[in-house]
């Protein structure tokens, strides 16, 4: 590529007063399509629906295994007791409230 195929070489381009690259005189200016810029909102992952930030965890909406997994990660004893109390007043599954 170069002068022989009608495409100007790098040394034939100049810059305008703002530092933008401009083609040599007489050369057509072709616009490059703009590339989409990913939005930061699109790249944010949604938190899990049972995360503490979206309201209290409701054991009635989860399997025994899911509740046990949640309770294994809870460090707040009051939250642990709240979940067990909700389970006890609801389904009362022994895998959660014990025997």
N, C-alpha and C. Protein backbone atom coordinates (compact mmCIF):
# COMPACT_ATOMS: atom_id res chain seq x y z
N UNK A 1 0.84 -1.17 0.00
CA UNK A 1 0.00 0.00 0.00
C UNK A 1 0.88 1.23 0.00
N UNK A 2 0.42 2.26 -0.58
CA UNK A 2 1.19 3.48 -0.65
C UNK A 2 0.70 4.31 -1.81
N UNK A 3 1.56 5.16 -2.33
CA UNK A 3 1.16 6.05 -3.40
C UNK A 3 0.77 5.28 -4.65
N UNK A 4 1.38 4.14 -4.92
CA UNK A 4 1.13 3.42 -6.15
C UNK A 4 -0.28 2.85 -6.22
N UNK A 5 -0.93 2.58 -5.09
CA UNK A 5 -2.28 2.03 -5.13
C UNK A 5 -3.34 3.08 -4.79
N UNK A 6 -2.97 4.36 -4.77
CA UNK A 6 -3.93 5.43 -4.54
C UNK A 6 -4.20 5.72 -3.08
N UNK A 7 -3.54 5.02 -2.20
CA UNK A 7 -3.73 5.24 -0.77
C UNK A 7 -2.54 6.02 -0.26
N UNK A 8 -2.79 7.17 0.38
CA UNK A 8 -1.66 7.96 0.87
C UNK A 8 -0.92 7.24 1.98
N UNK A 9 0.38 7.39 2.03
CA UNK A 9 1.19 6.81 3.09
C UNK A 9 1.17 7.69 4.32
N UNK A 10 1.69 7.19 5.43
CA UNK A 10 1.65 7.94 6.69
C UNK A 10 2.33 9.29 6.61
N UNK A 11 3.39 9.42 5.81
CA UNK A 11 4.11 10.68 5.75
C UNK A 11 3.35 11.75 4.98
N UNK A 12 2.29 11.39 4.26
CA UNK A 12 1.53 12.36 3.49
C UNK A 12 0.42 13.02 4.30
N UNK A 13 0.15 12.54 5.48
CA UNK A 13 -0.89 13.11 6.31
C UNK A 13 -0.32 14.25 7.14
N UNK A 14 -1.14 15.23 7.45
CA UNK A 14 -0.72 16.34 8.28
C UNK A 14 -1.64 16.43 9.48
N UNK A 15 -1.49 17.50 10.23
CA UNK A 15 -2.38 17.73 11.38
C UNK A 15 -2.93 19.14 11.28
N UNK A 16 -4.12 19.32 11.83
CA UNK A 16 -4.68 20.66 11.88
C UNK A 16 -4.21 21.35 13.15
N UNK A 17 -4.70 22.54 13.41
CA UNK A 17 -4.27 23.31 14.57
C UNK A 17 -4.61 22.66 15.90
N UNK A 18 -5.56 21.72 15.90
CA UNK A 18 -5.95 21.05 17.13
C UNK A 18 -5.25 19.71 17.32
N UNK A 19 -4.36 19.35 16.40
CA UNK A 19 -3.64 18.08 16.51
C UNK A 19 -4.36 16.92 15.87
N UNK A 20 -5.46 17.18 15.16
CA UNK A 20 -6.19 16.11 14.47
C UNK A 20 -5.49 15.77 13.16
N UNK A 21 -5.45 14.50 12.83
CA UNK A 21 -4.81 14.06 11.59
C UNK A 21 -5.75 14.38 10.43
N UNK A 22 -5.19 14.97 9.39
CA UNK A 22 -5.97 15.31 8.20
C UNK A 22 -5.30 14.69 6.98
N UNK A 23 -6.10 14.27 5.98
CA UNK A 23 -5.51 13.68 4.78
C UNK A 23 -4.89 14.77 3.91
N UNK A 24 -4.03 14.35 2.96
CA UNK A 24 -3.42 15.33 2.05
C UNK A 24 -4.50 16.00 1.20
N UNK A 25 -4.23 17.18 0.73
CA UNK A 25 -5.18 17.92 -0.10
C UNK A 25 -5.59 17.08 -1.30
N UNK A 26 -6.86 17.12 -1.60
CA UNK A 26 -7.37 16.40 -2.75
C UNK A 26 -7.78 14.97 -2.45
N UNK A 27 -7.49 14.47 -1.29
CA UNK A 27 -7.87 13.09 -0.92
C UNK A 27 -9.24 13.12 -0.26
N UNK A 28 -10.10 12.18 -0.60
CA UNK A 28 -11.42 12.15 0.04
C UNK A 28 -11.29 11.75 1.50
N UNK A 29 -12.15 12.31 2.31
CA UNK A 29 -12.18 11.98 3.72
C UNK A 29 -13.26 10.94 3.92
N UNK A 30 -12.88 9.80 4.41
CA UNK A 30 -13.86 8.76 4.68
C UNK A 30 -14.03 8.66 6.19
N UNK A 31 -15.27 8.63 6.60
CA UNK A 31 -15.57 8.52 8.03
C UNK A 31 -15.54 7.06 8.44
N UNK A 32 -14.90 6.80 9.54
CA UNK A 32 -14.95 5.46 10.10
C UNK A 32 -16.19 5.36 10.97
N UNK A 33 -16.88 4.24 10.90
CA UNK A 33 -18.06 4.11 11.77
C UNK A 33 -17.63 4.14 13.23
N UNK A 34 -18.44 4.82 14.04
CA UNK A 34 -18.12 4.88 15.46
C UNK A 34 -18.34 3.52 16.10
N UNK A 35 -17.43 3.16 16.95
CA UNK A 35 -17.54 1.91 17.67
C UNK A 35 -18.36 2.15 18.92
N UNK A 36 -19.31 1.26 19.22
CA UNK A 36 -20.10 1.47 20.43
C UNK A 36 -19.22 1.35 21.67
N UNK A 37 -19.46 2.23 22.60
CA UNK A 37 -18.73 2.21 23.86
C UNK A 37 -19.62 1.52 24.87
N UNK A 38 -19.12 0.44 25.49
CA UNK A 38 -19.97 -0.27 26.45
C UNK A 38 -20.32 0.63 27.63
N UNK A 39 -21.56 0.60 28.00
CA UNK A 39 -22.03 1.39 29.13
C UNK A 39 -21.60 0.71 30.42
N UNK A 40 -21.24 1.51 31.40
CA UNK A 40 -20.87 0.92 32.69
C UNK A 40 -22.09 0.29 33.34
N UNK A 41 -23.28 0.80 33.01
CA UNK A 41 -24.49 0.23 33.58
C UNK A 41 -24.73 -1.17 33.05
N UNK A 42 -24.38 -1.42 31.78
CA UNK A 42 -24.58 -2.73 31.19
C UNK A 42 -23.63 -3.77 31.76
N UNK A 43 -22.46 -3.32 32.21
CA UNK A 43 -21.47 -4.28 32.65
C UNK A 43 -21.58 -4.60 34.14
N UNK A 44 -22.48 -3.93 34.83
CA UNK A 44 -22.65 -4.19 36.26
C UNK A 44 -23.47 -5.45 36.43
N UNK A 45 -22.99 -6.35 37.24
CA UNK A 45 -23.74 -7.58 37.48
C UNK A 45 -24.78 -7.33 38.55
N UNK A 46 -25.90 -7.95 38.38
CA UNK A 46 -26.98 -7.82 39.34
C UNK A 46 -26.68 -8.67 40.57
N UNK A 47 -26.98 -8.17 41.76
CA UNK A 47 -26.76 -8.98 42.96
C UNK A 47 -27.74 -10.15 43.00
N UNK A 48 -27.38 -11.16 43.71
CA UNK A 48 -28.25 -12.32 43.86
C UNK A 48 -29.55 -11.89 44.52
N UNK A 49 -30.68 -12.48 44.11
CA UNK A 49 -31.95 -12.04 44.66
C UNK A 49 -32.09 -12.25 46.16
N UNK A 50 -31.32 -13.18 46.73
CA UNK A 50 -31.45 -13.41 48.16
C UNK A 50 -30.35 -12.72 48.96
N UNK A 51 -29.68 -11.74 48.32
CA UNK A 51 -28.64 -11.04 49.06
C UNK A 51 -29.29 -10.15 50.12
N UNK A 52 -28.58 -9.89 51.17
CA UNK A 52 -29.11 -9.16 52.31
C UNK A 52 -29.51 -7.74 51.90
N UNK A 53 -28.80 -7.13 50.95
CA UNK A 53 -29.08 -5.76 50.54
C UNK A 53 -30.44 -5.57 49.90
N UNK A 54 -31.10 -6.61 49.42
CA UNK A 54 -32.38 -6.47 48.75
C UNK A 54 -33.55 -6.87 49.63
N UNK A 55 -33.37 -6.91 50.88
CA UNK A 55 -34.44 -7.30 51.78
C UNK A 55 -34.04 -8.56 52.52
N UNK A 56 -34.82 -8.90 53.50
CA UNK A 56 -34.48 -10.07 54.30
C UNK A 56 -34.62 -11.38 53.52
N UNK A 57 -33.74 -12.28 53.81
CA UNK A 57 -33.77 -13.62 53.22
C UNK A 57 -35.00 -14.34 53.75
N UNK A 58 -35.78 -14.91 52.84
CA UNK A 58 -37.00 -15.63 53.24
C UNK A 58 -36.81 -17.11 52.98
N UNK A 59 -36.63 -17.92 54.03
CA UNK A 59 -36.37 -19.35 53.84
C UNK A 59 -37.53 -20.08 53.16
N UNK A 60 -38.73 -19.53 53.24
CA UNK A 60 -39.89 -20.18 52.61
C UNK A 60 -39.79 -20.19 51.10
N UNK A 61 -38.94 -19.34 50.54
CA UNK A 61 -38.78 -19.25 49.09
C UNK A 61 -37.58 -20.06 48.59
N UNK A 62 -36.98 -20.87 49.45
CA UNK A 62 -35.76 -21.59 49.09
C UNK A 62 -35.83 -23.05 49.55
N UNK A 63 -34.98 -23.85 48.93
CA UNK A 63 -34.89 -25.26 49.33
C UNK A 63 -34.11 -25.36 50.64
N UNK A 64 -34.19 -26.51 51.27
CA UNK A 64 -33.43 -26.74 52.52
C UNK A 64 -31.95 -26.51 52.27
N UNK A 65 -31.44 -27.04 51.17
CA UNK A 65 -30.01 -26.89 50.86
C UNK A 65 -29.63 -25.41 50.68
N UNK A 66 -30.48 -24.63 50.03
CA UNK A 66 -30.20 -23.21 49.84
C UNK A 66 -30.22 -22.46 51.17
N UNK A 67 -31.16 -22.80 52.04
CA UNK A 67 -31.23 -22.14 53.35
C UNK A 67 -30.01 -22.51 54.17
N UNK A 68 -29.62 -23.78 54.15
CA UNK A 68 -28.43 -24.21 54.89
C UNK A 68 -27.19 -23.49 54.38
N UNK A 69 -27.09 -23.33 53.07
CA UNK A 69 -25.94 -22.63 52.49
C UNK A 69 -25.94 -21.16 52.93
N UNK A 70 -27.11 -20.54 52.92
CA UNK A 70 -27.22 -19.15 53.37
C UNK A 70 -26.80 -19.02 54.83
N UNK A 71 -27.33 -19.90 55.68
CA UNK A 71 -27.02 -19.84 57.11
C UNK A 71 -25.54 -20.10 57.38
N UNK A 72 -24.91 -20.91 56.54
CA UNK A 72 -23.47 -21.18 56.72
C UNK A 72 -22.65 -19.92 56.49
N UNK A 73 -23.15 -18.99 55.67
CA UNK A 73 -22.42 -17.76 55.39
C UNK A 73 -22.80 -16.59 56.27
N UNK A 74 -23.81 -16.75 57.12
CA UNK A 74 -24.28 -15.66 57.98
C UNK A 74 -23.39 -15.56 59.21
N UNK A 75 -22.89 -14.36 59.47
CA UNK A 75 -22.06 -14.14 60.65
C UNK A 75 -22.84 -13.45 61.77
N UNK A 76 -23.98 -12.86 61.42
CA UNK A 76 -24.80 -12.16 62.40
C UNK A 76 -25.76 -13.16 63.06
N UNK A 77 -25.60 -13.36 64.35
CA UNK A 77 -26.43 -14.34 65.07
C UNK A 77 -27.91 -13.95 65.06
N UNK A 78 -28.20 -12.66 65.09
CA UNK A 78 -29.60 -12.24 65.04
C UNK A 78 -30.24 -12.60 63.70
N UNK A 79 -29.50 -12.44 62.60
CA UNK A 79 -30.02 -12.82 61.28
C UNK A 79 -30.23 -14.33 61.22
N UNK A 80 -29.28 -15.07 61.74
CA UNK A 80 -29.42 -16.54 61.77
C UNK A 80 -30.69 -16.95 62.52
N UNK A 81 -30.91 -16.34 63.68
CA UNK A 81 -32.08 -16.66 64.49
C UNK A 81 -33.36 -16.23 63.80
N UNK A 82 -33.34 -15.08 63.12
CA UNK A 82 -34.52 -14.61 62.40
C UNK A 82 -34.94 -15.59 61.32
N UNK A 83 -33.96 -16.09 60.55
CA UNK A 83 -34.25 -17.04 59.47
C UNK A 83 -34.82 -18.34 60.04
N UNK A 84 -34.23 -18.82 61.13
CA UNK A 84 -34.72 -20.06 61.76
C UNK A 84 -36.13 -19.84 62.30
N UNK A 85 -36.40 -18.69 62.90
CA UNK A 85 -37.74 -18.39 63.42
C UNK A 85 -38.77 -18.33 62.30
N UNK A 86 -38.41 -17.71 61.18
CA UNK A 86 -39.33 -17.66 60.03
C UNK A 86 -39.62 -19.07 59.54
N UNK A 87 -38.58 -19.88 59.46
CA UNK A 87 -38.76 -21.27 59.02
C UNK A 87 -39.63 -22.04 60.01
N UNK A 88 -39.38 -21.85 61.27
CA UNK A 88 -40.13 -22.57 62.31
C UNK A 88 -41.63 -22.20 62.24
N UNK A 89 -41.94 -20.94 62.00
CA UNK A 89 -43.35 -20.51 61.94
C UNK A 89 -43.99 -20.82 60.59
N UNK A 90 -43.17 -21.18 59.62
CA UNK A 90 -43.69 -21.51 58.29
C UNK A 90 -43.69 -23.01 58.06
N UNK A 91 -42.76 -23.47 57.25
CA UNK A 91 -42.70 -24.88 56.87
C UNK A 91 -42.16 -25.76 57.99
N UNK A 92 -41.27 -25.23 58.80
CA UNK A 92 -40.72 -25.99 59.92
C UNK A 92 -39.91 -27.21 59.50
N UNK A 93 -39.16 -27.09 58.44
CA UNK A 93 -38.38 -28.24 57.95
C UNK A 93 -37.26 -28.59 58.92
N UNK A 94 -37.16 -29.87 59.25
CA UNK A 94 -36.17 -30.30 60.24
C UNK A 94 -34.73 -30.08 59.78
N UNK A 95 -34.51 -30.06 58.50
CA UNK A 95 -33.15 -29.79 58.00
C UNK A 95 -32.68 -28.39 58.31
N UNK A 96 -33.61 -27.54 58.74
CA UNK A 96 -33.27 -26.15 59.06
C UNK A 96 -33.44 -25.87 60.55
N UNK A 97 -34.58 -26.29 61.12
CA UNK A 97 -34.85 -25.97 62.53
C UNK A 97 -34.39 -27.06 63.47
N UNK A 98 -33.96 -28.18 62.93
CA UNK A 98 -33.53 -29.30 63.77
C UNK A 98 -34.69 -30.21 64.07
N UNK A 99 -34.49 -31.17 64.96
CA UNK A 99 -35.53 -32.16 65.27
C UNK A 99 -36.52 -31.64 66.28
